[in-house]
C-alpha atoms as a PDB file:
ATOM      1  CA  MET A   1     -31.442 -52.217  35.845  1.00  0.00           C
ATOM      2  CA  LEU A   2     -31.888 -49.650  33.125  1.00  0.00           C
ATOM      3  CA  SER A   3     -34.816 -50.114  30.853  1.00  0.00           C
ATOM      4  CA  ARG A   4     -34.141 -51.088  27.244  1.00  0.00           C
ATOM      5  CA  LYS A   5     -35.528 -47.708  26.142  1.00  0.00           C
ATOM      6  CA  MET A   6     -33.201 -45.783  28.474  1.00  0.00           C
ATOM      7  CA  THR A   7     -30.224 -47.872  27.366  1.00  0.00           C
ATOM      8  CA  SER A   8     -31.044 -47.149  23.762  1.00  0.00           C
ATOM      9  CA  TYR A   9     -31.333 -43.398  24.503  1.00  0.00           C
ATOM     10  CA  LEU A  10     -28.005 -43.284  26.334  1.00  0.00           C
ATOM     11  CA  GLY A  11     -26.331 -45.234  23.566  1.00  0.00           C
ATOM     12  CA  ALA A  12     -27.576 -42.744  20.988  1.00  0.00           C
ATOM     13  CA  ALA A  13     -26.403 -39.831  23.151  1.00  0.00           C
ATOM     14  CA  VAL A  14     -22.927 -41.323  23.465  1.00  0.00           C
ATOM     15  CA  VAL A  15     -22.733 -41.879  19.728  1.00  0.00           C
ATOM     16  CA  GLY A  16     -23.943 -38.319  19.115  1.00  0.00           C
ATOM     17  CA  ALA A  17     -21.405 -36.857  21.522  1.00  0.00           C
ATOM     18  CA  ALA A  18     -18.640 -38.881  19.915  1.00  0.00           C
ATOM     19  CA  ALA A  19     -19.685 -37.584  16.532  1.00  0.00           C
ATOM     20  CA  LEU A  20     -19.595 -33.970  17.777  1.00  0.00           C
ATOM     21  CA  VAL A  21     -16.147 -34.426  19.315  1.00  0.00           C
ATOM     22  CA  GLY A  22     -14.921 -36.174  16.195  1.00  0.00           C
ATOM     23  CA  GLY A  23     -16.293 -33.355  14.055  1.00  0.00           C
ATOM     24  CA  ALA A  24     -14.596 -30.732  16.183  1.00  0.00           C
ATOM     25  CA  LEU A  25     -11.288 -32.576  15.992  1.00  0.00           C
ATOM     26  CA  GLN A  26     -11.673 -32.962  12.260  1.00  0.00           C
ATOM     27  CA  THR A  27     -12.348 -29.212  11.910  1.00  0.00           C
ATOM     28  CA  ALA A  28      -9.289 -28.400  13.996  1.00  0.00           C
ATOM     29  CA  SER A  29      -7.093 -30.758  12.008  1.00  0.00           C
ATOM     30  CA  ALA A  30      -8.531 -29.377   8.764  1.00  0.00           C
ATOM     31  CA  GLN A  31      -6.982 -25.983   9.501  1.00  0.00           C
ATOM     32  CA  GLU A  32      -4.302 -25.281   6.921  1.00  0.00           C
ATOM     33  CA  THR A  33      -1.121 -23.499   7.909  1.00  0.00           C
ATOM     34  CA  ARG A  34       0.273 -20.777   5.674  1.00  0.00           C
ATOM     35  CA  SER A  35       3.052 -18.224   6.090  1.00  0.00           C
ATOM     36  CA  LEU A  36       2.402 -14.476   6.017  1.00  0.00           C
ATOM     37  CA  CYS A  37       5.389 -12.152   5.653  1.00  0.00           C
ATOM     38  CA  ILE A  38       4.664  -8.497   6.460  1.00  0.00           C
ATOM     39  CA  TYR A  39       6.891  -5.537   5.669  1.00  0.00           C
ATOM     40  CA  ASP A  40       6.942  -2.876   8.367  1.00  0.00           C
ATOM     41  CA  PRO A  41       9.896  -0.497   8.738  1.00  0.00           C
ATOM     42  CA  ILE A  42       9.529  -0.687  12.529  1.00  0.00           C
ATOM     43  CA  GLY A  43       9.030  -4.448  12.648  1.00  0.00           C
ATOM     44  CA  ALA A  44       6.479  -6.321  14.744  1.00  0.00           C
ATOM     45  CA  ASN A  45       5.730  -3.222  16.838  1.00  0.00           C
ATOM     46  CA  GLY A  46       4.887  -1.089  13.812  1.00  0.00           C
ATOM     47  CA  PHE A  47       1.360  -0.033  12.877  1.00  0.00           C
ATOM     48  CA  ILE A  48       1.451  -1.903   9.543  1.00  0.00           C
ATOM     49  CA  TYR A  49       2.233  -5.238  11.194  1.00  0.00           C
ATOM     50  CA  GLN A  50      -0.245  -4.584  13.990  1.00  0.00           C
ATOM     51  CA  SER A  51      -2.978  -3.612  11.521  1.00  0.00           C
ATOM     52  CA  PHE A  52      -2.948  -7.106  10.058  1.00  0.00           C
ATOM     53  CA  GLN A  53      -3.465  -8.949  13.350  1.00  0.00           C
ATOM     54  CA  ASP A  54      -7.256  -8.797  12.931  1.00  0.00           C
ATOM     55  CA  TYR A  55      -6.783 -10.388   9.520  1.00  0.00           C
ATOM     56  CA  VAL A  56      -4.849 -13.245  11.104  1.00  0.00           C
ATOM     57  CA  VAL A  57      -7.753 -13.846  13.488  1.00  0.00           C
ATOM     58  CA  GLN A  58     -10.259 -13.756  10.629  1.00  0.00           C
ATOM     59  CA  ALA A  59      -8.210 -16.220   8.586  1.00  0.00           C
ATOM     60  CA  ARG A  60      -8.753 -18.804  11.305  1.00  0.00           C
ATOM     61  CA  GLU A  61     -12.484 -18.481  10.707  1.00  0.00           C
ATOM     62  CA  TRP A  62     -11.727 -19.425   7.100  1.00  0.00           C
ATOM     63  CA  GLY A  63      -9.757 -22.481   8.210  1.00  0.00           C
ATOM     64  CA  ILE A  64      -6.299 -21.002   7.720  1.00  0.00           C
ATOM     65  CA  LYS A  65      -3.684 -20.543  10.422  1.00  0.00           C
ATOM     66  CA  LEU A  66      -1.298 -17.789   9.373  1.00  0.00           C
ATOM     67  CA  ASN A  67       2.215 -17.856  10.785  1.00  0.00           C
ATOM     68  CA  THR A  68       3.358 -14.243  10.573  1.00  0.00           C
ATOM     69  CA  ARG A  69       6.867 -12.843  10.231  1.00  0.00           C
ATOM     70  CA  ALA A  70       7.790  -9.156  10.321  1.00  0.00           C
ATOM     71  CA  TYR A  71      10.358  -7.774   7.881  1.00  0.00           C
ATOM     72  CA  THR A  72      12.019  -4.393   8.256  1.00  0.00           C
ATOM     73  CA  ASP A  73      13.516  -4.716   4.757  1.00  0.00           C
ATOM     74  CA  GLU A  74      10.846  -4.745   2.040  1.00  0.00           C
ATOM     75  CA  ALA A  75      13.248  -6.128  -0.561  1.00  0.00           C
ATOM     76  CA  VAL A  76      13.879  -9.220   1.574  1.00  0.00           C
ATOM     77  CA  ALA A  77      10.139  -9.753   2.119  1.00  0.00           C
ATOM     78  CA  SER A  78       9.485  -9.390  -1.607  1.00  0.00           C
ATOM     79  CA  ASN A  79      12.304 -11.759  -2.545  1.00  0.00           C
ATOM     80  CA  ASP A  80      11.247 -14.362   0.022  1.00  0.00           C
ATOM     81  CA  PHE A  81       7.734 -14.302  -1.434  1.00  0.00           C
ATOM     82  CA  LYS A  82       9.108 -14.624  -4.943  1.00  0.00           C
ATOM     83  CA  ALA A  83      11.232 -17.587  -3.839  1.00  0.00           C
ATOM     84  CA  GLY A  84       8.206 -19.318  -2.291  1.00  0.00           C
ATOM     85  CA  LYS A  85       9.348 -18.860   1.300  1.00  0.00           C
ATOM     86  CA  CYS A  86       6.147 -16.895   2.009  1.00  0.00           C
ATOM     87  CA  ASP A  87       2.696 -18.045   0.911  1.00  0.00           C
ATOM     88  CA  MET A  88       1.391 -14.512   1.420  1.00  0.00           C
ATOM     89  CA  VAL A  89       3.185 -11.192   1.683  1.00  0.00           C
ATOM     90  CA  GLY A  90       2.240  -7.669   2.749  1.00  0.00           C
ATOM     91  CA  ILE A  91       4.209  -5.032   0.829  1.00  0.00           C
ATOM     92  CA  THR A  92       3.642  -1.571  -0.630  1.00  0.00           C
ATOM     93  CA  GLY A  93       1.969  -1.024  -3.972  1.00  0.00           C
ATOM     94  CA  ILE A  94       5.287   0.342  -5.270  1.00  0.00           C
ATOM     95  CA  ARG A  95       6.677  -3.185  -4.884  1.00  0.00           C
ATOM     96  CA  ALA A  96       3.418  -4.950  -5.735  1.00  0.00           C
ATOM     97  CA  ILE A  97       3.492  -3.507  -9.272  1.00  0.00           C
ATOM     98  CA  HIS A  98       6.168  -6.111 -10.036  1.00  0.00           C
ATOM     99  CA  PHE A  99       3.688  -8.891  -9.175  1.00  0.00           C
ATOM    100  CA  VAL A 100       0.247  -7.561 -10.162  1.00  0.00           C
ATOM    101  CA  LYS A 101       0.542  -4.496 -12.379  1.00  0.00           C
ATOM    102  CA  PHE A 102      -3.062  -3.310 -12.090  1.00  0.00           C
ATOM    103  CA  ALA A 103      -3.098  -3.272  -8.288  1.00  0.00           C
ATOM    104  CA  GLY A 104       0.439  -1.962  -7.891  1.00  0.00           C
ATOM    105  CA  SER A 105      -0.312   0.964 -10.192  1.00  0.00           C
ATOM    106  CA  LEU A 106      -2.549   2.395  -7.455  1.00  0.00           C
ATOM    107  CA  ASP A 107       0.562   3.984  -5.910  1.00  0.00           C
ATOM    108  CA  MET A 108       1.401   6.003  -9.025  1.00  0.00           C
ATOM    109  CA  ALA A 109       2.973   9.448  -8.879  1.00  0.00           C
ATOM    110  CA  GLY A 110       0.317  12.073  -8.164  1.00  0.00           C
ATOM    111  CA  GLY A 111      -2.386   9.518  -8.854  1.00  0.00           C
ATOM    112  CA  LEU A 112      -4.644  10.525  -5.981  1.00  0.00           C
ATOM    113  CA  GLN A 113      -4.728  13.522  -3.652  1.00  0.00           C
ATOM    114  CA  SER A 114      -7.208  12.702  -0.864  1.00  0.00           C
ATOM    115  CA  TYR A 115      -8.223   9.824   1.388  1.00  0.00           C
ATOM    116  CA  ASP A 116     -11.750   9.952  -0.039  1.00  0.00           C
ATOM    117  CA  GLN A 117     -10.266   9.369  -3.478  1.00  0.00           C
ATOM    118  CA  VAL A 118      -8.166   6.433  -2.317  1.00  0.00           C
ATOM    119  CA  LYS A 119     -11.217   4.890  -0.635  1.00  0.00           C
ATOM    120  CA  THR A 120     -13.097   5.067  -3.920  1.00  0.00           C
ATOM    121  CA  ALA A 121     -10.215   3.395  -5.754  1.00  0.00           C
ATOM    122  CA  ILE A 122      -9.763   0.590  -3.221  1.00  0.00           C
ATOM    123  CA  LYS A 123     -13.509  -0.028  -3.128  1.00  0.00           C
ATOM    124  CA  VAL A 124     -13.473  -0.566  -6.890  1.00  0.00           C
ATOM    125  CA  MET A 125     -10.423  -2.827  -6.645  1.00  0.00           C
ATOM    126  CA  SER A 126     -12.118  -4.909  -3.936  1.00  0.00           C
ATOM    127  CA  SER A 127     -15.349  -5.439  -5.885  1.00  0.00           C
ATOM    128  CA  PRO A 128     -16.123  -8.656  -7.811  1.00  0.00           C
ATOM    129  CA  LYS A 129     -16.063  -6.651 -11.069  1.00  0.00           C
ATOM    130  CA  ALA A 130     -12.325  -6.091 -10.661  1.00  0.00           C
ATOM    131  CA  ALA A 131     -11.493  -9.684  -9.704  1.00  0.00           C
ATOM    132  CA  ASP A 132      -9.975 -10.584 -13.077  1.00  0.00           C
ATOM    133  CA  ARG A 133      -7.568  -7.648 -12.839  1.00  0.00           C
ATOM    134  CA  MET A 134      -6.293  -8.510  -9.361  1.00  0.00           C
ATOM    135  CA  SER A 135      -4.261 -11.549 -10.353  1.00  0.00           C
ATOM    136  CA  GLU A 136      -1.330 -12.052 -12.681  1.00  0.00           C
ATOM    137  CA  ASP A 137       1.077 -14.932 -13.360  1.00  0.00           C
ATOM    138  CA  GLY A 138      -0.070 -16.979 -10.386  1.00  0.00           C
ATOM    139  CA  ASN A 139      -0.022 -14.062  -7.942  1.00  0.00           C
ATOM    140  CA  GLU A 140      -3.172 -12.433  -6.583  1.00  0.00           C
ATOM    141  CA  VAL A 141      -3.702  -9.303  -4.512  1.00  0.00           C
ATOM    142  CA  VAL A 142      -6.186 -10.291  -1.806  1.00  0.00           C
ATOM    143  CA  GLY A 143      -6.413  -7.065   0.182  1.00  0.00           C
ATOM    144  CA  VAL A 144      -5.511  -3.391  -0.073  1.00  0.00           C
ATOM    145  CA  VAL A 145      -5.231  -0.843   2.745  1.00  0.00           C
ATOM    146  CA  PRO A 146      -4.131   2.817   2.781  1.00  0.00           C
ATOM    147  CA  LEU A 147      -0.671   3.593   4.158  1.00  0.00           C
ATOM    148  CA  GLY A 148      -0.853   7.329   3.718  1.00  0.00           C
ATOM    149  CA  LYS A 149       0.113  10.279   1.587  1.00  0.00           C
ATOM    150  CA  ALA A 150       3.693  10.554   0.363  1.00  0.00           C
ATOM    151  CA  PHE A 151       5.268  13.987   0.701  1.00  0.00           C
ATOM    152  CA  LEU A 152       8.481  15.681  -0.381  1.00  0.00           C
ATOM    153  CA  PHE A 153      10.826  16.235   2.576  1.00  0.00           C
ATOM    154  CA  ALA A 154      13.501  18.937   2.167  1.00  0.00           C
ATOM    155  CA  ARG A 155      16.475  19.728   4.380  1.00  0.00           C
ATOM    156  CA  ASP A 156      15.826  23.408   3.623  1.00  0.00           C
ATOM    157  CA  LYS A 157      12.380  24.957   3.093  1.00  0.00           C
ATOM    158  CA  SER A 158      13.786  27.186   0.366  1.00  0.00           C
ATOM    159  CA  TYR A 159      14.137  24.115  -1.867  1.00  0.00           C
ATOM    160  CA  LEU A 160      10.329  23.938  -2.018  1.00  0.00           C
ATOM    161  CA  GLU A 161       9.708  27.517  -3.164  1.00  0.00           C
ATOM    162  CA  SER A 162       9.339  26.481  -6.815  1.00  0.00           C
ATOM    163  CA  LEU A 163      10.279  23.757  -9.246  1.00  0.00           C
ATOM    164  CA  ASP A 164      13.255  25.897 -10.237  1.00  0.00           C
ATOM    165  CA  THR A 165      14.694  25.543  -6.734  1.00  0.00           C
ATOM    166  CA  VAL A 166      14.292  21.745  -6.903  1.00  0.00           C
ATOM    167  CA  ALA A 167      16.384  21.610 -10.077  1.00  0.00           C
ATOM    168  CA  GLY A 168      19.884  20.332  -9.457  1.00  0.00           C
ATOM    169  CA  LYS A 169      19.142  19.132  -5.935  1.00  0.00           C
ATOM    170  CA  LYS A 170      19.977  15.563  -4.962  1.00  0.00           C
ATOM    171  CA  ILE A 171      16.927  13.455  -4.163  1.00  0.00           C
ATOM    172  CA  ALA A 172      16.875   9.927  -2.744  1.00  0.00           C
ATOM    173  CA  VAL A 173      14.840   7.546  -4.916  1.00  0.00           C
ATOM    174  CA  MET A 174      14.194   3.863  -4.458  1.00  0.00           C
ATOM    175  CA  SER A 175      16.315   2.009  -7.006  1.00  0.00           C
ATOM    176  CA  TYR A 176      13.387  -0.250  -7.941  1.00  0.00           C
ATOM    177  CA  ASP A 177      10.878   2.629  -8.319  1.00  0.00           C
ATOM    178  CA  LYS A 178      10.997   3.809 -11.902  1.00  0.00           C
ATOM    179  CA  GLN A 179       8.346   6.473 -11.351  1.00  0.00           C
ATOM    180  CA  ALA A 180      10.485   8.234  -8.729  1.00  0.00           C
ATOM    181  CA  SER A 181      13.539   8.477 -10.967  1.00  0.00           C
ATOM    182  CA  THR A 182      11.376   9.616 -13.893  1.00  0.00           C
ATOM    183  CA  LEU A 183       9.772  12.288 -11.719  1.00  0.00           C
ATOM    184  CA  ALA A 184      13.184  13.472 -10.544  1.00  0.00           C
ATOM    185  CA  ASN A 185      14.363  13.786 -14.125  1.00  0.00           C
ATOM    186  CA  VAL A 186      11.243  15.716 -15.149  1.00  0.00           C
ATOM    187  CA  ALA A 187      11.807  18.090 -12.217  1.00  0.00           C
ATOM    188  CA  GLY A 188      15.463  18.497 -13.138  1.00  0.00           C
ATOM    189  CA  ALA A 189      16.638  17.032  -9.843  1.00  0.00           C
ATOM    190  CA  SER A 190      19.520  14.597  -9.503  1.00  0.00           C
ATOM    191  CA  PRO A 191      18.233  11.141  -8.454  1.00  0.00           C
ATOM    192  CA  VAL A 192      20.389   9.169  -6.043  1.00  0.00           C
ATOM    193  CA  GLY A 193      19.658   5.459  -5.727  1.00  0.00           C
ATOM    194  CA  ALA A 194      18.595   4.318  -2.279  1.00  0.00           C
ATOM    195  CA  SER A 195      16.791   1.533  -0.435  1.00  0.00           C
ATOM    196  CA  ILE A 196      14.225   1.588   2.364  1.00  0.00           C
ATOM    197  CA  ALA A 197      17.089   0.969   4.768  1.00  0.00           C
ATOM    198  CA  SER A 198      19.403   3.659   3.402  1.00  0.00           C
ATOM    199  CA  PHE A 199      17.289   6.616   2.311  1.00  0.00           C
ATOM    200  CA  GLY A 200      16.534   7.776   5.867  1.00  0.00           C
ATOM    201  CA  PRO A 201      20.191   7.971   6.899  1.00  0.00           C
ATOM    202  CA  MET A 202      21.080   9.561   3.529  1.00  0.00           C
ATOM    203  CA  PHE A 203      18.552  12.339   4.146  1.00  0.00           C
ATOM    204  CA  ASN A 204      19.493  12.768   7.774  1.00  0.00           C
ATOM    205  CA  ASN A 205      23.245  13.032   7.188  1.00  0.00           C
ATOM    206  CA  GLY A 206      22.937  15.390   4.216  1.00  0.00           C
ATOM    207  CA  SER A 207      23.968  12.969   1.475  1.00  0.00           C
ATOM    208  CA  VAL A 208      20.784  14.065  -0.330  1.00  0.00           C
ATOM    209  CA  ASP A 209      18.801  17.304  -0.193  1.00  0.00           C
ATOM    210  CA  LEU A 210      15.346  15.815  -0.675  1.00  0.00           C
ATOM    211  CA  ALA A 211      13.452  12.588  -0.039  1.00  0.00           C
ATOM    212  CA  TYR A 212       9.872  11.451  -0.537  1.00  0.00           C
ATOM    213  CA  ALA A 213       8.118   9.469   2.157  1.00  0.00           C
ATOM    214  CA  PRO A 214       4.778   8.921   3.918  1.00  0.00           C
ATOM    215  CA  SER A 215       4.030  10.601   7.228  1.00  0.00           C
ATOM    216  CA  PHE A 216       4.813   7.547   9.340  1.00  0.00           C
ATOM    217  CA  ALA A 217       8.450   7.762   8.183  1.00  0.00           C
ATOM    218  CA  TYR A 218       8.825  11.038  10.104  1.00  0.00           C
ATOM    219  CA  ASN A 219       9.115   9.091  13.358  1.00  0.00           C
ATOM    220  CA  ALA A 220       9.754   5.559  12.111  1.00  0.00           C
ATOM    221  CA  LEU A 221      12.844   6.592  10.135  1.00  0.00           C
ATOM    222  CA  GLU A 222      13.655   9.630  12.282  1.00  0.00           C
ATOM    223  CA  LEU A 223      13.446  12.039   9.359  1.00  0.00           C
ATOM    224  CA  TYR A 224      13.070  14.900  11.825  1.00  0.00           C
ATOM    225  CA  LYS A 225      16.848  14.663  12.231  1.00  0.00           C
ATOM    226  CA  GLY A 226      17.330  15.651   8.598  1.00  0.00           C
ATOM    227  CA  LEU A 227      14.664  18.352   8.766  1.00  0.00           C
ATOM    228  CA  GLY A 228      16.323  20.046  11.717  1.00  0.00           C
ATOM    229  CA  GLU A 229      15.329  23.686  12.124  1.00  0.00           C
ATOM    230  CA  GLN A 230      15.534  24.699   8.461  1.00  0.00           C
ATOM    231  CA  GLY A 231      13.714  21.801   6.819  1.00  0.00           C
ATOM    232  CA  GLY A 232      10.220  21.607   5.407  1.00  0.00           C
ATOM    233  CA  ILE A 233       7.642  19.252   3.920  1.00  0.00           C
ATOM    234  CA  ALA A 234       5.582  20.226   0.882  1.00  0.00           C
ATOM    235  CA  ASP A 235       1.898  19.544   1.504  1.00  0.00           C
ATOM    236  CA  PHE A 236       1.355  18.545  -2.140  1.00  0.00           C
ATOM    237  CA  VAL A 237       0.599  14.807  -2.231  1.00  0.00           C
ATOM    238  CA  LEU A 238       3.181  12.994  -4.353  1.00  0.00           C
ATOM    239  CA  GLY A 239       1.078   9.861  -4.278  1.00  0.00           C
ATOM    240  CA  MET A 240      -0.907   7.554  -2.047  1.00  0.00           C
ATOM    241  CA  LEU A 241       1.007   4.657  -0.555  1.00  0.00           C
ATOM    242  CA  SER A 242      -0.903   1.419  -0.121  1.00  0.00           C
ATOM    243  CA  GLY A 243      -0.287  -1.867   1.641  1.00  0.00           C
ATOM    244  CA  GLN A 244      -1.157  -4.881  -0.483  1.00  0.00           C
ATOM    245  CA  LEU A 245      -1.560  -8.532   0.499  1.00  0.00           C
ATOM    246  CA  ILE A 246      -0.411 -10.871  -2.262  1.00  0.00           C
ATOM    247  CA  ILE A 247      -0.724 -14.661  -2.357  1.00  0.00           C
ATOM    248  CA  HIS A 248       0.564 -17.503  -4.456  1.00  0.00           C
ATOM    249  CA  GLU A 249      -2.785 -18.573  -5.887  1.00  0.00           C
ATOM    250  CA  ASP A 250      -1.962 -22.276  -5.833  1.00  0.00           C
ATOM    251  CA  LYS A 251      -1.612 -22.146  -2.045  1.00  0.00           C
ATOM    252  CA  PHE A 252      -5.211 -21.071  -1.459  1.00  0.00           C
ATOM    253  CA  ASP A 253      -8.657 -22.295  -2.468  1.00  0.00           C
ATOM    254  CA  ASP A 254     -10.606 -20.806  -5.355  1.00  0.00           C
ATOM    255  CA  GLY A 255     -12.660 -17.858  -4.209  1.00  0.00           C
ATOM    256  CA  PHE A 256     -10.313 -16.990  -1.350  1.00  0.00           C
ATOM    257  CA  GLY A 257      -9.046 -13.832  -3.063  1.00  0.00           C
ATOM    258  CA  GLN A 258     -12.415 -12.161  -3.517  1.00  0.00           C
ATOM    259  CA  LYS A 259     -13.613 -13.132  -0.044  1.00  0.00           C
ATOM    260  CA  SER A 260     -10.404 -11.715   1.410  1.00  0.00           C
ATOM    261  CA  ARG A 261     -10.475  -8.455  -0.581  1.00  0.00           C
ATOM    262  CA  GLU A 262     -14.025  -7.670   0.499  1.00  0.00           C
ATOM    263  CA  TRP A 263     -13.280  -8.483   4.135  1.00  0.00           C
ATOM    264  CA  VAL A 264     -10.146  -6.305   4.152  1.00  0.00           C
ATOM    265  CA  PHE A 265     -11.976  -3.337   2.646  1.00  0.00           C
ATOM    266  CA  ASN A 266     -15.002  -3.649   4.931  1.00  0.00           C
ATOM    267  CA  ASN A 267     -13.058  -4.330   8.135  1.00  0.00           C
ATOM    268  CA  MET A 268      -9.583  -2.840   7.786  1.00  0.00           C
ATOM    269  CA  PHE A 269      -9.801   0.307   5.661  1.00  0.00           C
ATOM    270  CA  ASP A 270     -11.203   2.620   8.331  1.00  0.00           C
ATOM    271  CA  SER A 271      -9.047   1.334  11.189  1.00  0.00           C
ATOM    272  CA  THR A 272      -5.861   1.538   9.104  1.00  0.00           C
ATOM    273  CA  LEU A 273      -6.780   5.013   7.900  1.00  0.00           C
ATOM    274  CA  ARG A 274      -7.145   6.186  11.497  1.00  0.00           C
ATOM    275  CA  ARG A 275      -3.571   5.096  12.162  1.00  0.00           C
ATOM    276  CA  VAL A 276      -2.427   6.876   8.991  1.00  0.00           C
ATOM    277  CA  LYS A 277      -4.142  10.127   9.980  1.00  0.00           C
ATOM    278  CA  ASN A 278      -2.557   9.929  13.420  1.00  0.00           C
ATOM    279  CA  ALA A 279       0.844   9.764  11.704  1.00  0.00           C
ATOM    280  CA  ASP A 280      -0.082  12.841   9.627  1.00  0.00           C
ATOM    281  CA  GLU A 281      -0.920  14.745  12.795  1.00  0.00           C
ATOM    282  CA  GLU A 282       2.352  13.827  14.500  1.00  0.00           C
ATOM    283  CA  ILE A 283       4.306  16.099  12.133  1.00  0.00           C
ATOM    284  CA  PRO A 284       4.728  19.565  13.719  1.00  0.00           C
ATOM    285  CA  ASP A 285       2.956  22.400  11.905  1.00  0.00           C
ATOM    286  CA  LYS A 286       6.215  24.316  11.560  1.00  0.00           C
ATOM    287  CA  TYR A 287       7.463  21.929   8.884  1.00  0.00           C
ATOM    288  CA  TRP A 288       4.528  22.136   6.471  1.00  0.00           C
ATOM    289  CA  VAL A 289       5.027  24.271   3.351  1.00  0.00           C
ATOM    290  CA  HIS A 290       1.740  25.062   1.635  1.00  0.00           C
ATOM    291  CA  ILE A 291       1.736  24.530  -2.121  1.00  0.00           C
ATOM    292  CA  SER A 292      -1.026  26.579  -3.770  1.00  0.00           C
ATOM    293  CA  GLY A 293      -1.866  28.738  -6.775  1.00  0.00           C
ATOM    294  CA  ASP A 294       0.694  28.651  -9.581  1.00  0.00           C
ATOM    295  CA  ARG A 295       2.944  26.317  -7.634  1.00  0.00           C
ATOM    296  CA  ASP A 296       0.128  23.794  -7.305  1.00  0.00           C
ATOM    297  CA  ALA A 297      -0.614  24.028 -11.037  1.00  0.00           C
ATOM    298  CA  ASN A 298       3.066  23.589 -11.855  1.00  0.00           C
ATOM    299  CA  TYR A 299       3.351  20.536  -9.598  1.00  0.00           C
ATOM    300  CA  ARG A 300       0.267  18.975 -11.198  1.00  0.00           C
ATOM    301  CA  GLU A 301       1.639  19.580 -14.674  1.00  0.00           C
ATOM    302  CA  MET A 302       4.958  18.040 -13.707  1.00  0.00           C
ATOM    303  CA  PHE A 303       3.201  14.942 -12.407  1.00  0.00           C
ATOM    304  CA  ARG A 304       1.006  14.755 -15.510  1.00  0.00           C
ATOM    305  CA  ASN A 305       4.108  14.825 -17.709  1.00  0.00           C
ATOM    306  CA  THR A 306       5.709  12.121 -15.562  1.00  0.00           C
ATOM    307  CA  ARG A 307       2.657   9.856 -15.750  1.00  0.00           C
ATOM    308  CA  GLU A 308       2.364  10.433 -19.495  1.00  0.00           C
ATOM    309  CA  GLN A 309       5.970   9.327 -19.993  1.00  0.00           C
ATOM    310  CA  LEU A 310       5.314   6.229 -17.903  1.00  0.00           C
ATOM    311  CA  TRP A 311       2.091   5.572 -19.853  1.00  0.00           C
ATOM    312  CA  ASP A 312       4.131   5.504 -23.050  1.00  0.00           C
ATOM    313  CA  GLN A 313       6.614   3.144 -21.406  1.00  0.00           C
ATOM    314  CA  ASN A 314       3.799   0.857 -20.148  1.00  0.00           C
ATOM    315  CA  TRP A 315       5.085   1.134 -16.588  1.00  0.00           C
ATOM    316  CA  TYR A 316       1.597   1.554 -15.176  1.00  0.00           C
ATOM    317  CA  ASP A 317      -1.471  -0.479 -16.001  1.00  0.00           C
ATOM    318  CA  HIS A 318      -3.389   1.723 -18.454  1.00  0.00           C
ATOM    319  CA  GLU A 319      -6.802   0.767 -17.087  1.00  0.00           C
ATOM    320  CA  MET A 320      -5.795   1.768 -13.550  1.00  0.00           C
ATOM    321  CA  GLN A 321      -4.150   4.946 -14.802  1.00  0.00           C
ATOM    322  CA  HIS A 322      -7.282   6.094 -16.614  1.00  0.00           C
ATOM    323  CA  MET A 323      -9.468   5.112 -13.652  1.00  0.00           C
ATOM    324  CA  LEU A 324      -7.425   7.268 -11.268  1.00  0.00           C
ATOM    325  CA  LYS A 325      -7.690  10.176 -13.683  1.00  0.00           C
ATOM    326  CA  LYS A 326     -11.472   9.813 -13.611  1.00  0.00           C
ATOM    327  CA  ILE A 327     -11.443   9.732  -9.806  1.00  0.00           C
ATOM    328  CA  ARG A 328      -9.325  12.900  -9.646  1.00  0.00           C
ATOM    329  CA  CYS A 329     -11.614  14.678 -12.073  1.00  0.00           C
ATOM    330  CA  SER A 330     -14.765  13.548 -10.292  1.00  0.00           C
ATOM    331  CA  SER A 331     -13.414  15.405  -7.237  1.00  0.00           C
ATOM    332  CA  ASP A 332     -12.317  18.470  -9.194  1.00  0.00           C
ATOM    333  CA  ALA A 333     -13.737  18.725 -12.709  1.00  0.00           C
ATOM    334  CA  GLY A 334     -11.960  22.038 -13.199  1.00  0.00           C
ATOM    335  CA  LEU A 335      -8.493  20.477 -13.393  1.00  0.00           C
ATOM    336  CA  ALA A 336      -6.804  21.222 -16.710  1.00  0.00           C
ATOM    337  CA  GLU A 337      -5.982  17.550 -17.299  1.00  0.00           C
ATOM    338  CA  CYS A 338      -9.661  16.521 -17.283  1.00  0.00           C
ATOM    339  CA  SER A 339     -10.210  17.857 -20.806  1.00  0.00           C
ATOM    340  CA  GLN A 340      -6.813  16.735 -22.107  1.00  0.00           C
ATOM    341  CA  ALA A 341      -6.172  13.620 -24.148  1.00  0.00           C
ATOM    342  CA  SER A 342      -3.456  12.373 -21.776  1.00  0.00           C
ATOM    343  CA  GLU A 343      -3.645   9.103 -19.842  1.00  0.00           C
ATOM    344  CA  GLY A 344      -6.301   7.474 -21.949  1.00  0.00           C
ATOM    345  CA  GLY A 345      -8.321  10.492 -23.025  1.00  0.00           C
ATOM    346  CA  ALA A 346     -10.465  13.334 -21.717  1.00  0.00           C
ATOM    347  CA  VAL A 347     -12.965  12.478 -19.000  1.00  0.00           C
ATOM    348  CA  ASN A 348     -15.299  15.482 -19.276  1.00  0.00           C
END
């Protein structure tokens, strides 16, 4: 016979164990399921989609099970999010500007020129001080990662010799990207409407002379076919492409956005940037056309004029536009624009 004391002890242990099991089951059942739609031109095997797998694991620690779907068409991903078919979506800043203007304006034409600059900008965006600017009309950007520098691809290197040689050439521009068509008009080029799905083939088959794209498009969209033996890529950075996670705020708890932004910056920026730099290095040296001296100054002035037009049209968020000007000038105070009144005023 067990003593009364031993019986009491065993009874308490059983109750305690039951409570632990019950608690574990309750925690498991408390996990909420949400849908995450991710744009990647390659699909589930692409580096963008793969970069977010660590985020999916982390979300479980926050009590959220994310069911992910890869989209090779960014327009479809964006529209599915807008229609409520996705609780969260990963798209480029060029698309995100239609949801959260401040965050989407990060990808502005000629806004940033180096990865150090983009890290500074994303760090600011991910800080609690910027929290109020990261949401708009029920949408909130909850993470930003770098997707690389966008460059001008030309089917013939001679097109990149000066802005005069760009004039009159046909350039593929995304139909939803107002900054690209404005830039083309400022340069005197002839913009031809395209989509993510069509601009690669248009460049490769000669329907257009020029196209702008990040490094990963060289292989992902087979742009080397359009470059051939005569083509070239200007090493002047047209802009920094970013990947942005956007949520419907009513699908997530208060405080989720800030927690997510900080985690993404601290845990995903460096690893994503390594993938981006690898894509940069995959482009053969023979294609790069160095833009320096007067050509560099002319390109910068063209981009300044483009951004100033878009400032007047309120296409970009003015606070972001002025912030990026300050970041550019903190890296190179000798730039002519730093003392000019454009984009919100002189910064030195």
